[in-house]
């Protein structure tokens, strides 16, 4: 699965996702750091990629309607959680879910697990 990683996600998570077979692109590496959400979203769509972010703005289904995108994954973890612990949880959760489950849906990953709002498509 192609994944675009927003700037608010620790870089080490990209390595975890690559080890699971995902193709990752970090917005900081392609000149999109600090750009508006719409630019980040548009780039992910152009790439046919799922967008991975901690930005709750991307969870707004009015602004980013279910089924109108390749998928959005929001990470909701405590700020004080070490990135190594977050990486283990995210890696475990994502390895147990088929890639197609993320497509067109809004997924929220947290220490308590996965919540998903599914597209009706």
PDB file of N, CA and C in Angstrom:
ATOM      1  N   UNK A   1       0.853  -1.168   0.000  1.00  0.00           N
ATOM      2  CA  UNK A   1       0.000   0.000   0.000  1.00  0.00           C
ATOM      3  C   UNK A   1       0.898   1.231   0.000  1.00  0.00           C
ATOM      4  N   UNK A   2       0.508   2.251  -0.736  1.00  0.00           N
ATOM      5  CA  UNK A   2       1.209   3.526  -0.724  1.00  0.00           C
ATOM      6  C   UNK A   2       0.680   4.364   0.430  1.00  0.00           C
ATOM      7  N   UNK A   3       1.604   4.970   1.166  1.00  0.00           N
ATOM      8  CA  UNK A   3       1.242   5.799   2.313  1.00  0.00           C
ATOM      9  C   UNK A   3       2.007   7.107   2.253  1.00  0.00           C
ATOM     10  N   UNK A   4       1.293   8.219   2.385  1.00  0.00           N
ATOM     11  CA  UNK A   4       1.906   9.536   2.532  1.00  0.00           C
ATOM     12  C   UNK A   4       1.859   9.873   4.020  1.00  0.00           C
ATOM     13  N   UNK A   5       3.024  10.190   4.566  1.00  0.00           N
ATOM     14  CA  UNK A   5       3.148  10.470   5.994  1.00  0.00           C
ATOM     15  C   UNK A   5       3.227  11.975   6.202  1.00  0.00           C
ATOM     16  N   UNK A   6       2.316  12.493   7.020  1.00  0.00           N
ATOM     17  CA  UNK A   6       2.275  13.921   7.323  1.00  0.00           C
ATOM     18  C   UNK A   6       3.430  14.289   8.252  1.00  0.00           C
ATOM     19  N   UNK A   7       3.722  15.581   8.328  1.00  0.00           N
ATOM     20  CA  UNK A   7       4.885  16.059   9.079  1.00  0.00           C
ATOM     21  C   UNK A   7       4.775  15.887  10.592  1.00  0.00           C
ATOM     22  N   UNK A   8       3.589  15.614  11.103  1.00  0.00           N
ATOM     23  CA  UNK A   8       3.441  15.469  12.550  1.00  0.00           C
ATOM     24  C   UNK A   8       3.689  14.033  13.036  1.00  0.00           C
ATOM     25  N   UNK A   9       4.095  13.159  12.135  1.00  0.00           N
ATOM     26  CA  UNK A   9       4.372  11.764  12.471  1.00  0.00           C
ATOM     27  C   UNK A   9       5.886  11.576  12.537  1.00  0.00           C
ATOM     28  N   UNK A  10       6.342  10.877  13.572  1.00  0.00           N
ATOM     29  CA  UNK A  10       7.783  10.647  13.731  1.00  0.00           C
ATOM     30  C   UNK A  10       8.329   9.860  12.540  1.00  0.00           C
ATOM     31  N   UNK A  11       9.468  10.260  12.063  1.00  0.00           N
ATOM     32  CA  UNK A  11      10.069   9.627  10.883  1.00  0.00           C
ATOM     33  C   UNK A  11      10.306   8.126  11.057  1.00  0.00           C
ATOM     34  N   UNK A  12      10.555   7.676  12.261  1.00  0.00           N
ATOM     35  CA  UNK A  12      10.860   6.264  12.473  1.00  0.00           C
ATOM     36  C   UNK A  12       9.686   5.349  12.106  1.00  0.00           C
ATOM     37  N   UNK A  13       8.472   5.883  12.111  1.00  0.00           N
ATOM     38  CA  UNK A  13       7.320   5.060  11.749  1.00  0.00           C
ATOM     39  C   UNK A  13       7.381   4.646  10.279  1.00  0.00           C
ATOM     40  N   UNK A  14       7.978   5.461   9.437  1.00  0.00           N
ATOM     41  CA  UNK A  14       8.109   5.106   8.020  1.00  0.00           C
ATOM     42  C   UNK A  14       8.885   3.807   7.854  1.00  0.00           C
ATOM     43  N   UNK A  15       9.919   3.615   8.646  1.00  0.00           N
ATOM     44  CA  UNK A  15      10.717   2.381   8.574  1.00  0.00           C
ATOM     45  C   UNK A  15       9.882   1.165   8.978  1.00  0.00           C
ATOM     46  N   UNK A  16       9.068   1.333   9.998  1.00  0.00           N
ATOM     47  CA  UNK A  16       8.185   0.243  10.433  1.00  0.00           C
ATOM     48  C   UNK A  16       7.220  -0.113   9.307  1.00  0.00           C
ATOM     49  N   UNK A  17       6.639   0.889   8.694  1.00  0.00           N
ATOM     50  CA  UNK A  17       5.682   0.654   7.617  1.00  0.00           C
ATOM     51  C   UNK A  17       6.354   0.023   6.400  1.00  0.00           C
ATOM     52  N   UNK A  18       7.573   0.444   6.106  1.00  0.00           N
ATOM     53  CA  UNK A  18       8.310  -0.173   4.989  1.00  0.00           C
ATOM     54  C   UNK A  18       8.598  -1.643   5.275  1.00  0.00           C
ATOM     55  N   UNK A  19       8.893  -1.950   6.528  1.00  0.00           N
ATOM     56  CA  UNK A  19       9.169  -3.354   6.876  1.00  0.00           C
ATOM     57  C   UNK A  19       7.929  -4.228   6.710  1.00  0.00           C
ATOM     58  N   UNK A  20       6.757  -3.598   6.705  1.00  0.00           N
ATOM     59  CA  UNK A  20       5.501  -4.323   6.474  1.00  0.00           C
ATOM     60  C   UNK A  20       5.146  -4.374   4.978  1.00  0.00           C
ATOM     61  N   UNK A  21       6.010  -3.808   4.139  1.00  0.00           N
ATOM     62  CA  UNK A  21       5.799  -3.859   2.702  1.00  0.00           C
ATOM     63  C   UNK A  21       5.135  -2.645   2.101  1.00  0.00           C
ATOM     64  N   UNK A  22       4.943  -1.590   2.880  1.00  0.00           N
ATOM     65  CA  UNK A  22       4.297  -0.383   2.377  1.00  0.00           C
ATOM     66  C   UNK A  22       5.318   0.553   1.734  1.00  0.00           C
ATOM     67  N   UNK A  23       4.877   1.282   0.719  1.00  0.00           N
ATOM     68  CA  UNK A  23       5.678   2.324   0.101  1.00  0.00           C
ATOM     69  C   UNK A  23       5.328   3.628   0.805  1.00  0.00           C
ATOM     70  N   UNK A  24       6.311   4.278   1.406  1.00  0.00           N
ATOM     71  CA  UNK A  24       6.023   5.494   2.167  1.00  0.00           C
ATOM     72  C   UNK A  24       6.700   6.706   1.552  1.00  0.00           C
ATOM     73  N   UNK A  25       5.999   7.832   1.633  1.00  0.00           N
ATOM     74  CA  UNK A  25       6.533   9.125   1.240  1.00  0.00           C
ATOM     75  C   UNK A  25       6.255  10.084   2.380  1.00  0.00           C
ATOM     76  N   UNK A  26       7.302  10.743   2.854  1.00  0.00           N
ATOM     77  CA  UNK A  26       7.175  11.715   3.935  1.00  0.00           C
ATOM     78  C   UNK A  26       7.067  13.108   3.321  1.00  0.00           C
ATOM     79  N   UNK A  27       6.057  13.882   3.717  1.00  0.00           N
ATOM     80  CA  UNK A  27       5.857  15.208   3.121  1.00  0.00           C
ATOM     81  C   UNK A  27       7.053  16.134   3.358  1.00  0.00           C
ATOM     82  N   UNK A  28       7.826  15.867   4.411  1.00  0.00           N
ATOM     83  CA  UNK A  28       9.003  16.701   4.692  1.00  0.00           C
ATOM     84  C   UNK A  28      10.089  16.508   3.648  1.00  0.00           C
ATOM     85  N   UNK A  29      10.059  15.371   2.954  1.00  0.00           N
ATOM     86  CA  UNK A  29      11.096  15.069   1.970  1.00  0.00           C
ATOM     87  C   UNK A  29      10.768  15.570   0.571  1.00  0.00           C
ATOM     88  N   UNK A  30       9.560  16.089   0.381  1.00  0.00           N
ATOM     89  CA  UNK A  30       9.147  16.483  -0.967  1.00  0.00           C
ATOM     90  C   UNK A  30       8.668  17.938  -1.034  1.00  0.00           C
ATOM     91  N   UNK A  31       9.053  18.732  -0.042  1.00  0.00           N
ATOM     92  CA  UNK A  31       8.741  20.157  -0.080  1.00  0.00           C
ATOM     93  C   UNK A  31       7.345  20.533   0.364  1.00  0.00           C
ATOM     94  N   UNK A  32       6.658  19.641   1.075  1.00  0.00           N
ATOM     95  CA  UNK A  32       5.298  19.959   1.529  1.00  0.00           C
ATOM     96  C   UNK A  32       5.211  20.273   3.028  1.00  0.00           C
ATOM     97  N   UNK A  33       6.342  20.362   3.699  1.00  0.00           N
ATOM     98  CA  UNK A  33       6.329  20.715   5.125  1.00  0.00           C
ATOM     99  C   UNK A  33       5.701  22.099   5.290  1.00  0.00           C
ATOM    100  N   UNK A  34       4.738  22.186   6.225  1.00  0.00           N
ATOM    101  CA  UNK A  34       4.097  23.463   6.517  1.00  0.00           C
ATOM    102  C   UNK A  34       3.022  23.874   5.530  1.00  0.00           C
ATOM    103  N   UNK A  35       2.763  23.054   4.544  1.00  0.00           N
ATOM    104  CA  UNK A  35       1.739  23.381   3.550  1.00  0.00           C
ATOM    105  C   UNK A  35       0.343  23.108   4.114  1.00  0.00           C
ATOM    106  N   UNK A  36      -0.682  23.746   3.546  1.00  0.00           N
ATOM    107  CA  UNK A  36      -2.057  23.535   4.018  1.00  0.00           C
ATOM    108  C   UNK A  36      -2.494  22.076   3.849  1.00  0.00           C
ATOM    109  N   UNK A  37      -3.440  21.684   4.706  1.00  0.00           N
ATOM    110  CA  UNK A  37      -3.973  20.315   4.646  1.00  0.00           C
ATOM    111  C   UNK A  37      -4.431  19.939   3.244  1.00  0.00           C
ATOM    112  N   UNK A  38      -5.046  20.877   2.546  1.00  0.00           N
ATOM    113  CA  UNK A  38      -5.564  20.589   1.210  1.00  0.00           C
ATOM    114  C   UNK A  38      -4.455  20.183   0.243  1.00  0.00           C
ATOM    115  N   UNK A  39      -3.270  20.806   0.382  1.00  0.00           N
ATOM    116  CA  UNK A  39      -2.133  20.459  -0.478  1.00  0.00           C
ATOM    117  C   UNK A  39      -1.627  19.051  -0.165  1.00  0.00           C
ATOM    118  N   UNK A  40      -1.559  18.742   1.119  1.00  0.00           N
ATOM    119  CA  UNK A  40      -1.107  17.403   1.541  1.00  0.00           C
ATOM    120  C   UNK A  40      -2.109  16.361   1.040  1.00  0.00           C
ATOM    121  N   UNK A  41      -3.379  16.632   1.242  1.00  0.00           N
ATOM    122  CA  UNK A  41      -4.431  15.710   0.811  1.00  0.00           C
ATOM    123  C   UNK A  41      -4.384  15.503  -0.705  1.00  0.00           C
ATOM    124  N   UNK A  42      -4.265  16.593  -1.442  1.00  0.00           N
ATOM    125  CA  UNK A  42      -4.228  16.518  -2.904  1.00  0.00           C
ATOM    126  C   UNK A  42      -3.038  15.666  -3.368  1.00  0.00           C
ATOM    127  N   UNK A  43      -1.874  15.863  -2.759  1.00  0.00           N
ATOM    128  CA  UNK A  43      -0.705  15.074  -3.127  1.00  0.00           C
ATOM    129  C   UNK A  43      -0.958  13.587  -2.881  1.00  0.00           C
ATOM    130  N   UNK A  44      -1.526  13.248  -1.720  1.00  0.00           N
ATOM    131  CA  UNK A  44      -1.813  11.830  -1.412  1.00  0.00           C
ATOM    132  C   UNK A  44      -2.750  11.239  -2.459  1.00  0.00           C
ATOM    133  N   UNK A  45      -3.746  12.010  -2.866  1.00  0.00           N
ATOM    134  CA  UNK A  45      -4.698  11.512  -3.863  1.00  0.00           C
ATOM    135  C   UNK A  45      -4.028  11.320  -5.213  1.00  0.00           C
ATOM    136  N   UNK A  46      -3.175  12.268  -5.596  1.00  0.00           N
ATOM    137  CA  UNK A  46      -2.446  12.146  -6.866  1.00  0.00           C
ATOM    138  C   UNK A  46      -1.563  10.908  -6.882  1.00  0.00           C
ATOM    139  N   UNK A  47      -1.057  10.531  -5.710  1.00  0.00           N
ATOM    140  CA  UNK A  47      -0.194   9.361  -5.602  1.00  0.00           C
ATOM    141  C   UNK A  47      -0.979   8.060  -5.444  1.00  0.00           C
ATOM    142  N   UNK A  48      -2.287   8.168  -5.262  1.00  0.00           N
ATOM    143  CA  UNK A  48      -3.096   6.973  -5.005  1.00  0.00           C
ATOM    144  C   UNK A  48      -2.743   6.365  -3.657  1.00  0.00           C
ATOM    145  N   UNK A  49      -2.453   7.231  -2.693  1.00  0.00           N
ATOM    146  CA  UNK A  49      -1.943   6.800  -1.396  1.00  0.00           C
ATOM    147  C   UNK A  49      -2.910   7.087  -0.256  1.00  0.00           C
ATOM    148  N   UNK A  50      -2.783   6.296   0.780  1.00  0.00           N
ATOM    149  CA  UNK A  50      -3.462   6.539   2.043  1.00  0.00           C
ATOM    150  C   UNK A  50      -2.669   7.628   2.759  1.00  0.00           C
ATOM    151  N   UNK A  51      -3.369   8.566   3.384  1.00  0.00           N
ATOM    152  CA  UNK A  51      -2.726   9.636   4.136  1.00  0.00           C
ATOM    153  C   UNK A  51      -2.677   9.256   5.607  1.00  0.00           C
ATOM    154  N   UNK A  52      -1.491   9.326   6.212  1.00  0.00           N
ATOM    155  CA  UNK A  52      -1.298   9.007   7.627  1.00  0.00           C
ATOM    156  C   UNK A  52      -0.914  10.284   8.352  1.00  0.00           C
ATOM    157  N   UNK A  53      -1.713  10.686   9.345  1.00  0.00           N
ATOM    158  CA  UNK A  53      -1.499  11.956  10.031  1.00  0.00           C
ATOM    159  C   UNK A  53      -1.975  11.889  11.475  1.00  0.00           C
ATOM    160  N   UNK A  54      -1.517  12.814  12.255  1.00  0.00           N
ATOM    161  CA  UNK A  54      -2.032  13.013  13.601  1.00  0.00           C
ATOM    162  C   UNK A  54      -2.962  14.212  13.656  1.00  0.00           C
ATOM    163  N   UNK A  55      -3.155  14.858  12.538  1.00  0.00           N
ATOM    164  CA  UNK A  55      -3.954  16.076  12.420  1.00  0.00           C
ATOM    165  C   UNK A  55      -5.440  15.726  12.360  1.00  0.00           C
ATOM    166  N   UNK A  56      -6.174  16.100  13.388  1.00  0.00           N
ATOM    167  CA  UNK A  56      -7.608  15.791  13.437  1.00  0.00           C
ATOM    168  C   UNK A  56      -8.411  16.492  12.351  1.00  0.00           C
ATOM    169  N   UNK A  57      -7.846  17.502  11.727  1.00  0.00           N
ATOM    170  CA  UNK A  57      -8.537  18.151  10.618  1.00  0.00           C
ATOM    171  C   UNK A  57      -8.852  17.181   9.494  1.00  0.00           C
ATOM    172  N   UNK A  58      -7.986  16.194   9.309  1.00  0.00           N
ATOM    173  CA  UNK A  58      -8.227  15.197   8.266  1.00  0.00           C
ATOM    174  C   UNK A  58      -9.338  14.219   8.635  1.00  0.00           C
ATOM    175  N   UNK A  59      -9.771  14.233   9.877  1.00  0.00           N
ATOM    176  CA  UNK A  59     -10.867  13.357  10.309  1.00  0.00           C
ATOM    177  C   UNK A  59     -12.236  13.989  10.052  1.00  0.00           C
ATOM    178  N   UNK A  60     -12.243  15.189   9.547  1.00  0.00           N
ATOM    179  CA  UNK A  60     -13.491  15.896   9.256  1.00  0.00           C
ATOM    180  C   UNK A  60     -14.103  15.303   7.986  1.00  0.00           C
ATOM    181  N   UNK A  61     -15.137  14.477   8.156  1.00  0.00           N
ATOM    182  CA  UNK A  61     -15.735  13.786   7.001  1.00  0.00           C
ATOM    183  C   UNK A  61     -16.597  14.717   6.145  1.00  0.00           C
ATOM    184  N   UNK A  62     -16.859  15.921   6.614  1.00  0.00           N
ATOM    185  CA  UNK A  62     -17.544  16.898   5.773  1.00  0.00           C
ATOM    186  C   UNK A  62     -16.532  17.463   4.774  1.00  0.00           C
ATOM    187  N   UNK A  63     -15.343  17.769   5.268  1.00  0.00           N
ATOM    188  CA  UNK A  63     -14.294  18.334   4.416  1.00  0.00           C
ATOM    189  C   UNK A  63     -13.590  17.261   3.571  1.00  0.00           C
ATOM    190  N   UNK A  64     -13.441  16.060   4.139  1.00  0.00           N
ATOM    191  CA  UNK A  64     -12.799  14.935   3.449  1.00  0.00           C
ATOM    192  C   UNK A  64     -13.770  13.749   3.488  1.00  0.00           C
ATOM    193  N   UNK A  65     -14.811  13.773   2.645  1.00  0.00           N
ATOM    194  CA  UNK A  65     -15.875  12.762   2.721  1.00  0.00           C
ATOM    195  C   UNK A  65     -15.379  11.330   2.495  1.00  0.00           C
ATOM    196  N   UNK A  66     -15.967  10.427   3.260  1.00  0.00           N
ATOM    197  CA  UNK A  66     -15.666   9.005   3.081  1.00  0.00           C
ATOM    198  C   UNK A  66     -15.950   8.608   1.638  1.00  0.00           C
ATOM    199  N   UNK A  67     -15.094   7.796   1.072  1.00  0.00           N
ATOM    200  CA  UNK A  67     -15.281   7.331  -0.287  1.00  0.00           C
ATOM    201  C   UNK A  67     -14.740   8.265  -1.348  1.00  0.00           C
ATOM    202  N   UNK A  68     -14.325   9.478  -0.948  1.00  0.00           N
ATOM    203  CA  UNK A  68     -13.819  10.446  -1.924  1.00  0.00           C
ATOM    204  C   UNK A  68     -12.294  10.458  -1.970  1.00  0.00           C
ATOM    205  N   UNK A  69     -11.672   9.537  -1.246  1.00  0.00           N
ATOM    206  CA  UNK A  69     -10.213   9.529  -1.155  1.00  0.00           C
ATOM    207  C   UNK A  69      -9.699   8.094  -1.083  1.00  0.00           C
ATOM    208  N   UNK A  70      -8.392   7.973  -1.102  1.00  0.00           N
ATOM    209  CA  UNK A  70      -7.755   6.655  -1.061  1.00  0.00           C
ATOM    210  C   UNK A  70      -7.614   6.117   0.361  1.00  0.00           C
ATOM    211  N   UNK A  71      -8.032   6.891   1.328  1.00  0.00           N
ATOM    212  CA  UNK A  71      -7.974   6.473   2.723  1.00  0.00           C
ATOM    213  C   UNK A  71      -7.223   7.475   3.571  1.00  0.00           C
ATOM    214  N   UNK A  72      -7.683   7.622   4.804  1.00  0.00           N
ATOM    215  CA  UNK A  72      -7.026   8.490   5.779  1.00  0.00           C
ATOM    216  C   UNK A  72      -6.886   7.694   7.070  1.00  0.00           C
ATOM    217  N   UNK A  73      -5.681   7.710   7.623  1.00  0.00           N
ATOM    218  CA  UNK A  73      -5.423   7.077   8.915  1.00  0.00           C
ATOM    219  C   UNK A  73      -4.965   8.167   9.870  1.00  0.00           C
ATOM    220  N   UNK A  74      -5.669   8.304  10.968  1.00  0.00           N
ATOM    221  CA  UNK A  74      -5.327   9.280  11.997  1.00  0.00           C
ATOM    222  C   UNK A  74      -4.732   8.532  13.188  1.00  0.00           C
ATOM    223  N   UNK A  75      -3.597   9.005  13.676  1.00  0.00           N
ATOM    224  CA  UNK A  75      -2.982   8.427  14.874  1.00  0.00           C
ATOM    225  C   UNK A  75      -3.362   9.283  16.074  1.00  0.00           C
ATOM    226  N   UNK A  76      -3.888   8.637  17.112  1.00  0.00           N
ATOM    227  CA  UNK A  76      -4.292   9.323  18.349  1.00  0.00           C
ATOM    228  C   UNK A  76      -3.555   8.680  19.519  1.00  0.00           C
ATOM    229  N   UNK A  77      -2.386   9.190  19.812  1.00  0.00           N
ATOM    230  CA  UNK A  77      -1.545   8.659  20.868  1.00  0.00           C
ATOM    231  C   UNK A  77      -1.134   9.778  21.808  1.00  0.00           C
ATOM    232  N   UNK A  78      -0.923   9.463  23.077  1.00  0.00           N
ATOM    233  CA  UNK A  78      -0.471  10.503  24.007  1.00  0.00           C
ATOM    234  C   UNK A  78       0.865  11.092  23.559  1.00  0.00           C
ATOM    235  N   UNK A  79       1.030  12.401  23.708  1.00  0.00           N
ATOM    236  CA  UNK A  79       2.281  13.060  23.317  1.00  0.00           C
ATOM    237  C   UNK A  79       3.485  12.499  24.056  1.00  0.00           C
ATOM    238  N   UNK A  80       3.273  12.055  25.287  1.00  0.00           N
ATOM    239  CA  UNK A  80       4.403  11.576  26.085  1.00  0.00           C
ATOM    240  C   UNK A  80       4.775  10.122  25.784  1.00  0.00           C
ATOM    241  N   UNK A  81       4.037   9.451  24.907  1.00  0.00           N
ATOM    242  CA  UNK A  81       4.359   8.068  24.551  1.00  0.00           C
ATOM    243  C   UNK A  81       5.622   8.051  23.695  1.00  0.00           C
ATOM    244  N   UNK A  82       6.600   7.233  24.074  1.00  0.00           N
ATOM    245  CA  UNK A  82       7.812   7.140  23.249  1.00  0.00           C
ATOM    246  C   UNK A  82       7.476   6.650  21.841  1.00  0.00           C
ATOM    247  N   UNK A  83       8.179   7.199  20.855  1.00  0.00           N
ATOM    248  CA  UNK A  83       7.907   6.799  19.480  1.00  0.00           C
ATOM    249  C   UNK A  83       8.151   5.311  19.274  1.00  0.00           C
ATOM    250  N   UNK A  84       9.063   4.716  20.024  1.00  0.00           N
ATOM    251  CA  UNK A  84       9.301   3.273  19.878  1.00  0.00           C
ATOM    252  C   UNK A  84       8.055   2.481  20.268  1.00  0.00           C
ATOM    253  N   UNK A  85       7.361   2.894  21.314  1.00  0.00           N
ATOM    254  CA  UNK A  85       6.135   2.204  21.733  1.00  0.00           C
ATOM    255  C   UNK A  85       5.018   2.435  20.720  1.00  0.00           C
ATOM    256  N   UNK A  86       4.901   3.664  20.242  1.00  0.00           N
ATOM    257  CA  UNK A  86       3.899   3.979  19.222  1.00  0.00           C
ATOM    258  C   UNK A  86       4.145   3.136  17.970  1.00  0.00           C
ATOM    259  N   UNK A  87       5.398   3.025  17.559  1.00  0.00           N
ATOM    260  CA  UNK A  87       5.738   2.262  16.366  1.00  0.00           C
ATOM    261  C   UNK A  87       5.329   0.796  16.495  1.00  0.00           C
ATOM    262  N   UNK A  88       5.529   0.221  17.665  1.00  0.00           N
ATOM    263  CA  UNK A  88       5.150  -1.177  17.888  1.00  0.00           C
ATOM    264  C   UNK A  88       3.643  -1.343  17.768  1.00  0.00           C
ATOM    265  N   UNK A  89       2.898  -0.442  18.400  1.00  0.00           N
ATOM    266  CA  UNK A  89       1.431  -0.540  18.365  1.00  0.00           C
ATOM    267  C   UNK A  89       0.912  -0.354  16.945  1.00  0.00           C
ATOM    268  N   UNK A  90       1.372   0.675  16.257  1.00  0.00           N
ATOM    269  CA  UNK A  90       0.907   0.932  14.895  1.00  0.00           C
ATOM    270  C   UNK A  90       1.298  -0.224  13.979  1.00  0.00           C
ATOM    271  N   UNK A  91       2.525  -0.709  14.101  1.00  0.00           N
ATOM    272  CA  UNK A  91       2.967  -1.835  13.284  1.00  0.00           C
ATOM    273  C   UNK A  91       2.130  -3.076  13.518  1.00  0.00           C
ATOM    274  N   UNK A  92       1.815  -3.361  14.756  1.00  0.00           N
ATOM    275  CA  UNK A  92       0.992  -4.525  15.096  1.00  0.00           C
ATOM    276  C   UNK A  92      -0.417  -4.375  14.537  1.00  0.00           C
ATOM    277  N   UNK A  93      -1.014  -3.205  14.743  1.00  0.00           N
ATOM    278  CA  UNK A  93      -2.373  -2.980  14.244  1.00  0.00           C
ATOM    279  C   UNK A  93      -2.434  -3.066  12.720  1.00  0.00           C
ATOM    280  N   UNK A  94      -1.480  -2.427  12.054  1.00  0.00           N
ATOM    281  CA  UNK A  94      -1.532  -2.393  10.594  1.00  0.00           C
ATOM    282  C   UNK A  94      -1.162  -3.735   9.964  1.00  0.00           C
ATOM    283  N   UNK A  95      -0.360  -4.516  10.641  1.00  0.00           N
ATOM    284  CA  UNK A  95      -0.001  -5.824  10.075  1.00  0.00           C
ATOM    285  C   UNK A  95      -1.161  -6.804  10.156  1.00  0.00           C
ATOM    286  N   UNK A  96      -2.114  -6.538  11.026  1.00  0.00           N
ATOM    287  CA  UNK A  96      -3.244  -7.446  11.193  1.00  0.00           C
ATOM    288  C   UNK A  96      -4.465  -7.098  10.358  1.00  0.00           C
ATOM    289  N   UNK A  97      -4.347  -6.068   9.526  1.00  0.00           N
ATOM    290  CA  UNK A  97      -5.493  -5.604   8.741  1.00  0.00           C
ATOM    291  C   UNK A  97      -5.108  -5.582   7.261  1.00  0.00           C
ATOM    292  N   UNK A  98      -5.905  -6.216   6.407  1.00  0.00           N
ATOM    293  CA  UNK A  98      -5.595  -6.175   4.976  1.00  0.00           C
ATOM    294  C   UNK A  98      -5.608  -4.740   4.450  1.00  0.00           C
ATOM    295  N   UNK A  99      -4.692  -4.456   3.549  1.00  0.00           N
ATOM    296  CA  UNK A  99      -4.558  -3.097   3.009  1.00  0.00           C
ATOM    297  C   UNK A  99      -5.869  -2.541   2.470  1.00  0.00           C
ATOM    298  N   UNK A 100      -6.641  -3.362   1.793  1.00  0.00           N
ATOM    299  CA  UNK A 100      -7.872  -2.856   1.162  1.00  0.00           C
ATOM    300  C   UNK A 100      -8.878  -2.320   2.182  1.00  0.00           C
ATOM    301  N   UNK A 101      -8.751  -2.702   3.430  1.00  0.00           N
ATOM    302  CA  UNK A 101      -9.662  -2.206   4.475  1.00  0.00           C
ATOM    303  C   UNK A 101      -9.480  -0.705   4.722  1.00  0.00           C
ATOM    304  N   UNK A 102      -8.306  -0.172   4.410  1.00  0.00           N
ATOM    305  CA  UNK A 102      -8.042   1.246   4.651  1.00  0.00           C
ATOM    306  C   UNK A 102      -8.544   2.133   3.513  1.00  0.00           C
ATOM    307  N   UNK A 103      -8.690   1.561   2.333  1.00  0.00           N
ATOM    308  CA  UNK A 103      -9.032   2.340   1.135  1.00  0.00           C
ATOM    309  C   UNK A 103     -10.422   2.954   1.259  1.00  0.00           C
ATOM    310  N   UNK A 104     -10.517   4.243   1.003  1.00  0.00           N
ATOM    311  CA  UNK A 104     -11.752   5.038   1.021  1.00  0.00           C
ATOM    312  C   UNK A 104     -12.327   5.260   2.415  1.00  0.00           C
ATOM    313  N   UNK A 105     -11.673   4.742   3.438  1.00  0.00           N
ATOM    314  CA  UNK A 105     -12.209   4.829   4.795  1.00  0.00           C
ATOM    315  C   UNK A 105     -11.388   5.780   5.665  1.00  0.00           C
ATOM    316  N   UNK A 106     -11.974   6.175   6.782  1.00  0.00           N
ATOM    317  CA  UNK A 106     -11.276   6.928   7.814  1.00  0.00           C
ATOM    318  C   UNK A 106     -10.976   5.967   8.944  1.00  0.00           C
ATOM    319  N   UNK A 107      -9.703   5.788   9.237  1.00  0.00           N
ATOM    320  CA  UNK A 107      -9.279   4.882  10.300  1.00  0.00           C
ATOM    321  C   UNK A 107      -8.590   5.690  11.386  1.00  0.00           C
ATOM    322  N   UNK A 108      -8.854   5.327  12.627  1.00  0.00           N
ATOM    323  CA  UNK A 108      -8.207   5.972  13.765  1.00  0.00           C
ATOM    324  C   UNK A 108      -7.494   4.887  14.549  1.00  0.00           C
ATOM    325  N   UNK A 109      -6.171   5.013  14.652  1.00  0.00           N
ATOM    326  CA  UNK A 109      -5.358   4.065  15.417  1.00  0.00           C
ATOM    327  C   UNK A 109      -4.965   4.724  16.730  1.00  0.00           C
ATOM    328  N   UNK A 110      -5.122   3.976  17.821  1.00  0.00           N
ATOM    329  CA  UNK A 110      -4.786   4.489  19.143  1.00  0.00           C
ATOM    330  C   UNK A 110      -4.268   3.332  19.992  1.00  0.00           C
ATOM    331  N   UNK A 111      -3.792   3.611  21.201  1.00  0.00           N
ATOM    332  CA  UNK A 111      -3.343   2.512  22.059  1.00  0.00           C
ATOM    333  C   UNK A 111      -4.456   1.501  22.352  1.00  0.00           C
ATOM    334  N   UNK A 112      -5.711   1.922  22.213  1.00  0.00           N
ATOM    335  CA  UNK A 112      -6.838   1.010  22.466  1.00  0.00           C
ATOM    336  C   UNK A 112      -7.208   0.182  21.248  1.00  0.00           C
ATOM    337  N   UNK A 113      -6.604   0.479  20.090  1.00  0.00           N
ATOM    338  CA  UNK A 113      -6.895  -0.312  18.900  1.00  0.00           C
ATOM    339  C   UNK A 113      -7.280   0.531  17.704  1.00  0.00           C
ATOM    340  N   UNK A 114      -8.127  -0.033  16.872  1.00  0.00           N
ATOM    341  CA  UNK A 114      -8.550   0.581  15.616  1.00  0.00           C
ATOM    342  C   UNK A 114     -10.028   0.874  15.645  1.00  0.00           C
ATOM    343  N   UNK A 115     -10.374   2.086  15.194  1.00  0.00           N
ATOM    344  CA  UNK A 115     -11.760   2.443  14.910  1.00  0.00           C
ATOM    345  C   UNK A 115     -11.799   2.834  13.454  1.00  0.00           C
ATOM    346  N   UNK A 116     -12.860   2.458  12.772  1.00  0.00           N
ATOM    347  CA  UNK A 116     -12.936   2.748  11.360  1.00  0.00           C
ATOM    348  C   UNK A 116     -14.320   3.240  10.985  1.00  0.00           C
ATOM    349  N   UNK A 117     -14.350   4.327  10.223  1.00  0.00           N
ATOM    350  CA  UNK A 117     -15.591   4.788   9.602  1.00  0.00           C
ATOM    351  C   UNK A 117     -15.498   4.390   8.150  1.00  0.00           C
ATOM    352  N   UNK A 118     -16.405   3.554   7.725  1.00  0.00           N
ATOM    353  CA  UNK A 118     -16.332   2.981   6.394  1.00  0.00           C
ATOM    354  C   UNK A 118     -17.179   3.746   5.390  1.00  0.00           C
ATOM    355  N   UNK A 119     -16.644   3.800   4.195  1.00  0.00           N
ATOM    356  CA  UNK A 119     -17.371   4.371   3.062  1.00  0.00           C
ATOM    357  C   UNK A 119     -18.497   3.428   2.692  1.00  0.00           C
ATOM    358  N   UNK A 120     -19.573   3.957   2.184  1.00  0.00           N
ATOM    359  CA  UNK A 120     -20.682   3.113   1.755  1.00  0.00           C
ATOM    360  C   UNK A 120     -20.418   2.531   0.368  1.00  0.00           C
ATOM    361  N   UNK A 121     -19.331   2.949  -0.281  1.00  0.00           N
ATOM    362  CA  UNK A 121     -18.972   2.436  -1.613  1.00  0.00           C
ATOM    363  C   UNK A 121     -18.481   1.009  -1.541  1.00  0.00           C
TER     364      UNK A 121
END
